[in-house]
Amino acid sequence: MNTHSTPDTPVTRTPLGAPAEPAPSALRVVVTGASSGIGAATVRALRGDGWDVVAAARRTERLAALAEETGAVPMTLDVTDQVSVDAFAAEITATGAVHALVNNAGGAFGADRVGESVTADWERMYSVNVLGSMRMTRALLPALRDSGQGSVLFLTSTAALAAYEGGAGYCGVKAAQVSLARSLRLEEAENNIRVIEVSPGMVRTEEFSLNRLGGDRTAADKVYAGVEYPLTADDVAQAVAFTLNAPHHMNIDQLVLRPLAQAANHKVLRG
């Protein structure tokens, strides 16, 4: 993020011959899945840095409260519905430039072993995590190209990096999302578009494990049992903001973050 030089703040340096970087206050970002958790925290973080933020999600009433708090622009969106995506993209691109897209909408549903897999859970995960990211990226790519310095950020997961029991469905869709991001990076570099992956490990939010485990609060709480400091939505949001606020000539391909207590997907220190 560009800042004015003061005794306490470093000068942001632009490489010789590179164009001057616009301040975040001149940039516009779309955040999907913005009604709760990491999405809502990302809206707060980017608004705090001066971005013009469009907060998009299905739950309109939550978006209204977030907009009142932050000054973000709330817009209803269902990333699993092509009609909704098309209408959203048409309205957004008609009202200004788009400089960044944060593909945050997603989630995990079910933690069954492969032998007991529920097909509907896998289809739902693929629809929102992978196809949702594809639909939004495809719809906004022309605007991101036209902006002159676009960024597409995917909220993936350390689940994409290593399999674990009961995780085949979620690990698979997050790995597919990673493949989507990495193909896009190769395809769009010539259009001055950065493609960024932020891959969190254990994050405690109000809904993630609860949704995954069918609303079972006791089972959801056990996921974090004995871990005093799991990551928070704010932790991840600050990482997202860090990557987007970096000078545009710098592409942070992948940023992996875990709580200190999670040495690996399969090793969590408890108690």
C-alpha atoms as a PDB file:
ATOM      1  CA  MET A   1       0.000   0.000   0.000  1.00  0.00           C
ATOM      2  CA  ASN A   2       1.388   3.410  -0.896  1.00  0.00           C
ATOM      3  CA  THR A   3       1.817   5.724   2.056  1.00  0.00           C
ATOM      4  CA  HIS A   4       3.005   9.274   2.645  1.00  0.00           C
ATOM      5  CA  SER A   5       6.504   9.410   4.079  1.00  0.00           C
ATOM      6  CA  THR A   6       6.611  10.220   7.801  1.00  0.00           C
ATOM      7  CA  PRO A   7       9.283   9.484  10.415  1.00  0.00           C
ATOM      8  CA  ASP A   8       7.357   6.366  11.431  1.00  0.00           C
ATOM      9  CA  THR A   9       6.266   4.971   8.073  1.00  0.00           C
ATOM     10  CA  PRO A  10       8.529   3.533   5.369  1.00  0.00           C
ATOM     11  CA  VAL A  11       8.514   4.891   1.849  1.00  0.00           C
ATOM     12  CA  THR A  12       6.945   2.588  -0.726  1.00  0.00           C
ATOM     13  CA  ARG A  13       9.473   2.321  -3.546  1.00  0.00           C
ATOM     14  CA  THR A  14       8.500   1.699  -7.148  1.00  0.00           C
ATOM     15  CA  PRO A  15      11.163  -0.050  -9.281  1.00  0.00           C
ATOM     16  CA  LEU A  16      12.874   2.187 -11.822  1.00  0.00           C
ATOM     17  CA  GLY A  17      10.884   2.290 -15.031  1.00  0.00           C
ATOM     18  CA  ALA A  18       7.719   0.875 -13.419  1.00  0.00           C
ATOM     19  CA  PRO A  19       4.495   2.884 -13.443  1.00  0.00           C
ATOM     20  CA  ALA A  20       3.447   4.541 -10.211  1.00  0.00           C
ATOM     21  CA  GLU A  21       1.226   2.348  -8.044  1.00  0.00           C
ATOM     22  CA  PRO A  22      -2.254   3.761  -7.335  1.00  0.00           C
ATOM     23  CA  ALA A  23      -3.269   3.927  -3.682  1.00  0.00           C
ATOM     24  CA  PRO A  24      -5.893   1.392  -2.551  1.00  0.00           C
ATOM     25  CA  SER A  25      -8.392   4.260  -2.296  1.00  0.00           C
ATOM     26  CA  ALA A  26      -8.389   4.312  -6.108  1.00  0.00           C
ATOM     27  CA  LEU A  27      -9.007   0.562  -6.392  1.00  0.00           C
ATOM     28  CA  ARG A  28     -12.193  -1.516  -6.349  1.00  0.00           C
ATOM     29  CA  VAL A  29     -12.474  -5.106  -5.161  1.00  0.00           C
ATOM     30  CA  VAL A  30     -15.260  -7.699  -5.141  1.00  0.00           C
ATOM     31  CA  VAL A  31     -15.319 -10.077  -2.161  1.00  0.00           C
ATOM     32  CA  THR A  32     -17.593 -13.127  -2.448  1.00  0.00           C
ATOM     33  CA  GLY A  33     -18.965 -15.019   0.536  1.00  0.00           C
ATOM     34  CA  ALA A  34     -18.824 -11.714   2.409  1.00  0.00           C
ATOM     35  CA  SER A  35     -21.688 -12.236   4.845  1.00  0.00           C
ATOM     36  CA  SER A  36     -19.669 -13.997   7.571  1.00  0.00           C
ATOM     37  CA  GLY A  37     -16.320 -15.430   8.632  1.00  0.00           C
ATOM     38  CA  ILE A  38     -13.267 -14.783   6.487  1.00  0.00           C
ATOM     39  CA  GLY A  39     -15.296 -12.961   3.856  1.00  0.00           C
ATOM     40  CA  ALA A  40     -16.717 -10.400   6.282  1.00  0.00           C
ATOM     41  CA  ALA A  41     -13.307  -9.975   7.943  1.00  0.00           C
ATOM     42  CA  THR A  42     -11.736  -9.399   4.512  1.00  0.00           C
ATOM     43  CA  VAL A  43     -14.266  -6.669   3.764  1.00  0.00           C
ATOM     44  CA  ARG A  44     -13.333  -4.967   7.029  1.00  0.00           C
ATOM     45  CA  ALA A  45      -9.601  -5.280   6.398  1.00  0.00           C
ATOM     46  CA  LEU A  46      -9.711  -3.946   2.843  1.00  0.00           C
ATOM     47  CA  ARG A  47     -12.055  -1.101   3.754  1.00  0.00           C
ATOM     48  CA  GLY A  48      -9.634  -0.242   6.547  1.00  0.00           C
ATOM     49  CA  ASP A  49      -6.881   0.015   3.938  1.00  0.00           C
ATOM     50  CA  GLY A  50      -8.974   2.325   1.769  1.00  0.00           C
ATOM     51  CA  TRP A  51     -10.274  -0.059  -0.910  1.00  0.00           C
ATOM     52  CA  ASP A  52     -13.677   0.481  -2.504  1.00  0.00           C
ATOM     53  CA  VAL A  53     -15.232  -2.882  -1.563  1.00  0.00           C
ATOM     54  CA  VAL A  54     -18.242  -4.643  -3.066  1.00  0.00           C
ATOM     55  CA  ALA A  55     -19.403  -7.191  -0.479  1.00  0.00           C
ATOM     56  CA  ALA A  56     -21.265 -10.022  -2.208  1.00  0.00           C
ATOM     57  CA  ALA A  57     -23.178 -12.949  -0.701  1.00  0.00           C
ATOM     58  CA  ARG A  58     -26.598 -14.612  -0.582  1.00  0.00           C
ATOM     59  CA  ARG A  59     -27.629 -13.380   2.888  1.00  0.00           C
ATOM     60  CA  THR A  60     -28.771  -9.852   2.190  1.00  0.00           C
ATOM     61  CA  GLU A  61     -29.608  -8.946   5.783  1.00  0.00           C
ATOM     62  CA  ARG A  62     -26.068  -9.741   6.962  1.00  0.00           C
ATOM     63  CA  LEU A  63     -24.600  -7.737   4.092  1.00  0.00           C
ATOM     64  CA  ALA A  64     -26.697  -4.727   5.074  1.00  0.00           C
ATOM     65  CA  ALA A  65     -25.279  -4.778   8.592  1.00  0.00           C
ATOM     66  CA  LEU A  66     -21.728  -5.167   7.276  1.00  0.00           C
ATOM     67  CA  ALA A  67     -22.230  -2.313   4.829  1.00  0.00           C
ATOM     68  CA  GLU A  68     -23.481  -0.032   7.588  1.00  0.00           C
ATOM     69  CA  GLU A  69     -20.438  -0.914   9.687  1.00  0.00           C
ATOM     70  CA  THR A  70     -17.776  -0.602   6.987  1.00  0.00           C
ATOM     71  CA  GLY A  71     -19.096   1.501   4.139  1.00  0.00           C
ATOM     72  CA  ALA A  72     -18.807  -1.400   1.707  1.00  0.00           C
ATOM     73  CA  VAL A  73     -21.340  -1.716  -1.113  1.00  0.00           C
ATOM     74  CA  PRO A  74     -23.620  -4.731  -0.457  1.00  0.00           C
ATOM     75  CA  MET A  75     -24.821  -6.855  -3.378  1.00  0.00           C
ATOM     76  CA  THR A  76     -26.753 -10.115  -3.320  1.00  0.00           C
ATOM     77  CA  LEU A  77     -25.011 -12.930  -5.201  1.00  0.00           C
ATOM     78  CA  ASP A  78     -25.218 -16.711  -5.486  1.00  0.00           C
ATOM     79  CA  VAL A  79     -22.008 -17.986  -7.098  1.00  0.00           C
ATOM     80  CA  THR A  80     -23.650 -21.350  -7.841  1.00  0.00           C
ATOM     81  CA  ASP A  81     -26.286 -19.684 -10.063  1.00  0.00           C
ATOM     82  CA  GLN A  82     -25.108 -18.501 -13.485  1.00  0.00           C
ATOM     83  CA  VAL A  83     -28.050 -16.103 -13.844  1.00  0.00           C
ATOM     84  CA  SER A  84     -27.126 -14.465 -10.536  1.00  0.00           C
ATOM     85  CA  VAL A  85     -23.462 -14.203 -11.542  1.00  0.00           C
ATOM     86  CA  ASP A  86     -24.299 -12.698 -14.939  1.00  0.00           C
ATOM     87  CA  ALA A  87     -26.614 -10.084 -13.422  1.00  0.00           C
ATOM     88  CA  PHE A  88     -24.044  -9.224 -10.761  1.00  0.00           C
ATOM     89  CA  ALA A  89     -21.223  -8.841 -13.300  1.00  0.00           C
ATOM     90  CA  ALA A  90     -23.348  -6.662 -15.580  1.00  0.00           C
ATOM     91  CA  GLU A  91     -24.248  -4.293 -12.758  1.00  0.00           C
ATOM     92  CA  ILE A  92     -20.739  -4.132 -11.325  1.00  0.00           C
ATOM     93  CA  THR A  93     -19.004  -3.451 -14.633  1.00  0.00           C
ATOM     94  CA  ALA A  94     -21.580  -0.797 -15.546  1.00  0.00           C
ATOM     95  CA  THR A  95     -20.785   1.196 -12.408  1.00  0.00           C
ATOM     96  CA  GLY A  96     -16.999   1.334 -12.508  1.00  0.00           C
ATOM     97  CA  ALA A  97     -13.691  -0.441 -12.914  1.00  0.00           C
ATOM     98  CA  VAL A  98     -12.883  -3.696 -11.118  1.00  0.00           C
ATOM     99  CA  HIS A  99      -9.300  -4.148  -9.935  1.00  0.00           C
ATOM    100  CA  ALA A 100      -9.527  -7.286  -7.803  1.00  0.00           C
ATOM    101  CA  LEU A 101     -11.710 -10.317  -7.139  1.00  0.00           C
ATOM    102  CA  VAL A 102     -11.496 -12.300  -3.911  1.00  0.00           C
ATOM    103  CA  ASN A 103     -12.968 -15.768  -4.504  1.00  0.00           C
ATOM    104  CA  ASN A 104     -13.835 -16.512  -0.901  1.00  0.00           C
ATOM    105  CA  ALA A 105     -17.268 -18.151  -1.232  1.00  0.00           C
ATOM    106  CA  GLY A 106     -16.868 -21.827  -0.382  1.00  0.00           C
ATOM    107  CA  GLY A 107     -17.072 -24.330   2.412  1.00  0.00           C
ATOM    108  CA  ALA A 108     -16.803 -27.939   3.484  1.00  0.00           C
ATOM    109  CA  PHE A 109     -19.799 -30.252   3.793  1.00  0.00           C
ATOM    110  CA  GLY A 110     -19.391 -33.638   5.413  1.00  0.00           C
ATOM    111  CA  ALA A 111     -16.374 -35.414   6.878  1.00  0.00           C
ATOM    112  CA  ASP A 112     -17.160 -38.967   5.806  1.00  0.00           C
ATOM    113  CA  ARG A 113     -14.638 -41.529   4.676  1.00  0.00           C
ATOM    114  CA  VAL A 114     -14.747 -42.407   0.998  1.00  0.00           C
ATOM    115  CA  GLY A 115     -16.662 -45.617   1.664  1.00  0.00           C
ATOM    116  CA  GLU A 116     -19.465 -43.666   3.329  1.00  0.00           C
ATOM    117  CA  SER A 117     -19.342 -40.583   1.085  1.00  0.00           C
ATOM    118  CA  VAL A 118     -22.520 -38.591   0.497  1.00  0.00           C
ATOM    119  CA  THR A 119     -22.694 -37.652  -3.180  1.00  0.00           C
ATOM    120  CA  ALA A 120     -24.746 -34.510  -2.537  1.00  0.00           C
ATOM    121  CA  ASP A 121     -22.061 -33.164  -0.173  1.00  0.00           C
ATOM    122  CA  TRP A 122     -19.359 -33.580  -2.799  1.00  0.00           C
ATOM    123  CA  GLU A 123     -21.507 -31.988  -5.494  1.00  0.00           C
ATOM    124  CA  ARG A 124     -22.315 -29.038  -3.238  1.00  0.00           C
ATOM    125  CA  MET A 125     -18.645 -28.481  -2.391  1.00  0.00           C
ATOM    126  CA  TYR A 126     -17.600 -28.634  -6.026  1.00  0.00           C
ATOM    127  CA  SER A 127     -20.406 -26.298  -7.059  1.00  0.00           C
ATOM    128  CA  VAL A 128     -19.512 -23.515  -4.646  1.00  0.00           C
ATOM    129  CA  ASN A 129     -15.720 -23.839  -4.285  1.00  0.00           C
ATOM    130  CA  VAL A 130     -14.695 -24.683  -7.834  1.00  0.00           C
ATOM    131  CA  LEU A 131     -17.515 -23.823 -10.218  1.00  0.00           C
ATOM    132  CA  GLY A 132     -18.385 -20.738  -8.180  1.00  0.00           C
ATOM    133  CA  SER A 133     -14.808 -19.474  -8.437  1.00  0.00           C
ATOM    134  CA  MET A 134     -14.741 -20.286 -12.139  1.00  0.00           C
ATOM    135  CA  ARG A 135     -18.026 -18.471 -12.827  1.00  0.00           C
ATOM    136  CA  MET A 136     -16.964 -15.325 -10.982  1.00  0.00           C
ATOM    137  CA  THR A 137     -13.498 -15.264 -12.515  1.00  0.00           C
ATOM    138  CA  ARG A 138     -14.818 -15.809 -16.038  1.00  0.00           C
ATOM    139  CA  ALA A 139     -17.468 -13.127 -15.597  1.00  0.00           C
ATOM    140  CA  LEU A 140     -15.095 -10.454 -14.281  1.00  0.00           C
ATOM    141  CA  LEU A 141     -11.969 -11.215 -16.319  1.00  0.00           C
ATOM    142  CA  PRO A 142     -12.778  -8.666 -19.063  1.00  0.00           C
ATOM    143  CA  ALA A 143     -13.139  -5.918 -16.444  1.00  0.00           C
ATOM    144  CA  LEU A 144      -9.987  -7.029 -14.615  1.00  0.00           C
ATOM    145  CA  ARG A 145      -8.049  -6.912 -17.887  1.00  0.00           C
ATOM    146  CA  ASP A 146      -9.444  -3.489 -18.726  1.00  0.00           C
ATOM    147  CA  SER A 147      -8.412  -2.134 -15.319  1.00  0.00           C
ATOM    148  CA  GLY A 148      -4.768  -2.402 -16.358  1.00  0.00           C
ATOM    149  CA  GLN A 149      -3.741  -4.100 -13.123  1.00  0.00           C
ATOM    150  CA  GLY A 150      -6.152  -6.804 -12.059  1.00  0.00           C
ATOM    151  CA  SER A 151      -5.790  -9.353  -9.276  1.00  0.00           C
ATOM    152  CA  VAL A 152      -7.698 -12.602  -8.692  1.00  0.00           C
ATOM    153  CA  LEU A 153      -7.312 -14.125  -5.245  1.00  0.00           C
ATOM    154  CA  PHE A 154      -8.479 -17.621  -4.323  1.00  0.00           C
ATOM    155  CA  LEU A 155      -9.102 -18.616  -0.709  1.00  0.00           C
ATOM    156  CA  THR A 156      -7.950 -22.227  -0.908  1.00  0.00           C
ATOM    157  CA  SER A 157      -6.821 -24.367   2.027  1.00  0.00           C
ATOM    158  CA  THR A 158      -3.986 -26.472   3.334  1.00  0.00           C
ATOM    159  CA  ALA A 159      -6.461 -29.296   2.657  1.00  0.00           C
ATOM    160  CA  ALA A 160      -5.289 -29.010  -0.960  1.00  0.00           C
ATOM    161  CA  LEU A 161      -1.721 -29.817   0.092  1.00  0.00           C
ATOM    162  CA  ALA A 162      -2.183 -33.139   1.921  1.00  0.00           C
ATOM    163  CA  ALA A 163      -4.981 -35.676   2.264  1.00  0.00           C
ATOM    164  CA  TYR A 164      -6.415 -36.868   5.559  1.00  0.00           C
ATOM    165  CA  GLU A 165      -9.035 -39.373   6.664  1.00  0.00           C
ATOM    166  CA  GLY A 166     -12.533 -38.051   6.087  1.00  0.00           C
ATOM    167  CA  GLY A 167     -11.219 -35.256   3.921  1.00  0.00           C
ATOM    168  CA  ALA A 168     -11.295 -36.668   0.396  1.00  0.00           C
ATOM    169  CA  GLY A 169     -14.180 -34.489  -0.746  1.00  0.00           C
ATOM    170  CA  TYR A 170     -12.911 -31.203   0.667  1.00  0.00           C
ATOM    171  CA  CYS A 171      -9.255 -31.919  -0.132  1.00  0.00           C
ATOM    172  CA  GLY A 172     -10.289 -32.743  -3.690  1.00  0.00           C
ATOM    173  CA  VAL A 173     -12.292 -29.602  -4.355  1.00  0.00           C
ATOM    174  CA  LYS A 174      -9.617 -27.376  -2.841  1.00  0.00           C
ATOM    175  CA  ALA A 175      -6.969 -29.101  -4.975  1.00  0.00           C
ATOM    176  CA  ALA A 176      -9.163 -28.439  -8.013  1.00  0.00           C
ATOM    177  CA  GLN A 177      -9.419 -24.788  -7.004  1.00  0.00           C
ATOM    178  CA  VAL A 178      -5.622 -24.622  -6.767  1.00  0.00           C
ATOM    179  CA  SER A 179      -5.340 -26.058 -10.274  1.00  0.00           C
ATOM    180  CA  LEU A 180      -7.795 -23.433 -11.499  1.00  0.00           C
ATOM    181  CA  ALA A 181      -5.694 -20.673  -9.943  1.00  0.00           C
ATOM    182  CA  ARG A 182      -2.425 -21.957 -11.344  1.00  0.00           C
ATOM    183  CA  SER A 183      -3.731 -22.372 -14.878  1.00  0.00           C
ATOM    184  CA  LEU A 184      -5.212 -18.877 -14.697  1.00  0.00           C
ATOM    185  CA  ARG A 185      -1.876 -17.440 -13.559  1.00  0.00           C
ATOM    186  CA  LEU A 186      -0.184 -18.806 -16.672  1.00  0.00           C
ATOM    187  CA  GLU A 187      -2.964 -17.614 -18.944  1.00  0.00           C
ATOM    188  CA  GLU A 188      -3.370 -14.073 -17.608  1.00  0.00           C
ATOM    189  CA  ALA A 189       0.156 -12.885 -16.776  1.00  0.00           C
ATOM    190  CA  GLU A 190       0.359 -11.231 -20.192  1.00  0.00           C
ATOM    191  CA  ASN A 191      -2.736  -9.220 -19.257  1.00  0.00           C
ATOM    192  CA  ASN A 192      -1.029  -7.854 -16.118  1.00  0.00           C
ATOM    193  CA  ILE A 193      -3.322  -9.881 -13.866  1.00  0.00           C
ATOM    194  CA  ARG A 194      -1.937 -11.315 -10.644  1.00  0.00           C
ATOM    195  CA  VAL A 195      -3.308 -14.637  -9.435  1.00  0.00           C
ATOM    196  CA  ILE A 196      -2.882 -15.246  -5.712  1.00  0.00           C
ATOM    197  CA  GLU A 197      -3.612 -18.225  -3.478  1.00  0.00           C
ATOM    198  CA  VAL A 198      -4.108 -17.752   0.255  1.00  0.00           C
ATOM    199  CA  SER A 199      -4.164 -21.197   1.872  1.00  0.00           C
ATOM    200  CA  PRO A 200      -5.143 -21.241   5.556  1.00  0.00           C
ATOM    201  CA  GLY A 201      -4.922 -24.209   7.883  1.00  0.00           C
ATOM    202  CA  MET A 202      -7.034 -24.449  11.053  1.00  0.00           C
ATOM    203  CA  VAL A 203      -9.243 -21.361  11.288  1.00  0.00           C
ATOM    204  CA  ARG A 204     -11.950 -21.046  13.914  1.00  0.00           C
ATOM    205  CA  THR A 205     -14.960 -19.165  12.556  1.00  0.00           C
ATOM    206  CA  GLU A 206     -18.571 -19.195  13.647  1.00  0.00           C
ATOM    207  CA  GLU A 207     -19.787 -21.408  10.816  1.00  0.00           C
ATOM    208  CA  PHE A 208     -17.132 -23.491   9.018  1.00  0.00           C
ATOM    209  CA  SER A 209     -16.980 -26.623  11.173  1.00  0.00           C
ATOM    210  CA  LEU A 210     -20.611 -26.264  12.196  1.00  0.00           C
ATOM    211  CA  ASN A 211     -21.680 -26.395   8.535  1.00  0.00           C
ATOM    212  CA  ARG A 212     -19.288 -29.228   7.779  1.00  0.00           C
ATOM    213  CA  LEU A 213     -20.607 -31.375  10.609  1.00  0.00           C
ATOM    214  CA  GLY A 214     -24.288 -30.855   9.924  1.00  0.00           C
ATOM    215  CA  GLY A 215     -24.909 -28.310  12.671  1.00  0.00           C
ATOM    216  CA  ASP A 216     -23.572 -30.524  15.472  1.00  0.00           C
ATOM    217  CA  ARG A 217     -22.117 -27.956  17.901  1.00  0.00           C
ATOM    218  CA  THR A 218     -20.416 -30.565  20.109  1.00  0.00           C
ATOM    219  CA  ALA A 219     -18.647 -32.154  17.140  1.00  0.00           C
ATOM    220  CA  ALA A 220     -17.691 -28.736  15.759  1.00  0.00           C
ATOM    221  CA  ASP A 221     -16.158 -27.657  19.066  1.00  0.00           C
ATOM    222  CA  LYS A 222     -14.095 -30.863  19.237  1.00  0.00           C
ATOM    223  CA  VAL A 223     -12.247 -29.822  16.053  1.00  0.00           C
ATOM    224  CA  TYR A 224     -10.572 -27.044  18.047  1.00  0.00           C
ATOM    225  CA  ALA A 225     -10.411 -28.767  21.438  1.00  0.00           C
ATOM    226  CA  GLY A 226      -7.167 -28.044  23.269  1.00  0.00           C
ATOM    227  CA  VAL A 227      -5.920 -25.575  20.625  1.00  0.00           C
ATOM    228  CA  GLU A 228      -5.681 -22.300  22.485  1.00  0.00           C
ATOM    229  CA  TYR A 229      -4.877 -20.169  19.469  1.00  0.00           C
ATOM    230  CA  PRO A 230      -6.287 -21.399  16.162  1.00  0.00           C
ATOM    231  CA  LEU A 231      -6.226 -18.843  13.365  1.00  0.00           C
ATOM    232  CA  THR A 232      -9.082 -16.369  13.295  1.00  0.00           C
ATOM    233  CA  ALA A 233     -10.977 -14.880  10.374  1.00  0.00           C
ATOM    234  CA  ASP A 234      -9.149 -11.607  11.056  1.00  0.00           C
ATOM    235  CA  ASP A 235      -5.769 -13.361  10.778  1.00  0.00           C
ATOM    236  CA  VAL A 236      -6.658 -14.655   7.320  1.00  0.00           C
ATOM    237  CA  ALA A 237      -8.147 -11.334   6.257  1.00  0.00           C
ATOM    238  CA  GLN A 238      -4.907  -9.557   7.137  1.00  0.00           C
ATOM    239  CA  ALA A 239      -3.019 -12.046   4.966  1.00  0.00           C
ATOM    240  CA  VAL A 240      -5.410 -11.395   2.087  1.00  0.00           C
ATOM    241  CA  ALA A 241      -4.940  -7.650   2.475  1.00  0.00           C
ATOM    242  CA  PHE A 242      -1.154  -8.079   2.598  1.00  0.00           C
ATOM    243  CA  THR A 243      -1.093  -9.863  -0.760  1.00  0.00           C
ATOM    244  CA  LEU A 244      -3.429  -7.401  -2.471  1.00  0.00           C
ATOM    245  CA  ASN A 245      -1.663  -4.342  -1.076  1.00  0.00           C
ATOM    246  CA  ALA A 246       1.730  -5.513  -2.332  1.00  0.00           C
ATOM    247  CA  PRO A 247       3.067  -3.545  -5.313  1.00  0.00           C
ATOM    248  CA  HIS A 248       1.393  -4.852  -8.429  1.00  0.00           C
ATOM    249  CA  HIS A 249       4.634  -6.042 -10.018  1.00  0.00           C
ATOM    250  CA  MET A 250       4.892  -8.525  -7.109  1.00  0.00           C
ATOM    251  CA  ASN A 251       2.752 -11.681  -7.416  1.00  0.00           C
ATOM    252  CA  ILE A 252       2.502 -13.627  -4.164  1.00  0.00           C
ATOM    253  CA  ASP A 253       1.729 -16.956  -5.789  1.00  0.00           C
ATOM    254  CA  GLN A 254       0.790 -18.808  -2.625  1.00  0.00           C
ATOM    255  CA  LEU A 255       0.685 -17.801   1.017  1.00  0.00           C
ATOM    256  CA  VAL A 256       0.264 -20.720   3.436  1.00  0.00           C
ATOM    257  CA  LEU A 257      -0.659 -19.891   7.017  1.00  0.00           C
ATOM    258  CA  ARG A 258      -1.372 -22.154   9.966  1.00  0.00           C
ATOM    259  CA  PRO A 259      -1.605 -21.704  13.715  1.00  0.00           C
ATOM    260  CA  LEU A 260       1.665 -22.524  15.456  1.00  0.00           C
ATOM    261  CA  ALA A 261      -0.058 -25.494  17.099  1.00  0.00           C
ATOM    262  CA  GLN A 262      -0.725 -27.049  13.688  1.00  0.00           C
ATOM    263  CA  ALA A 263       2.656 -28.244  12.512  1.00  0.00           C
ATOM    264  CA  ALA A 264       1.018 -30.117   9.618  1.00  0.00           C
ATOM    265  CA  ASN A 265      -2.454 -31.186   8.566  1.00  0.00           C
ATOM    266  CA  HIS A 266      -2.047 -34.389  10.561  1.00  0.00           C
ATOM    267  CA  LYS A 267      -0.151 -32.945  13.565  1.00  0.00           C
ATOM    268  CA  VAL A 268      -2.020 -30.608  15.915  1.00  0.00           C
ATOM    269  CA  LEU A 269      -0.725 -29.878  19.422  1.00  0.00           C
ATOM    270  CA  ARG A 270      -3.585 -29.895  21.921  1.00  0.00           C
ATOM    271  CA  GLY A 271      -3.577 -28.960  25.563  1.00  0.00           C
END
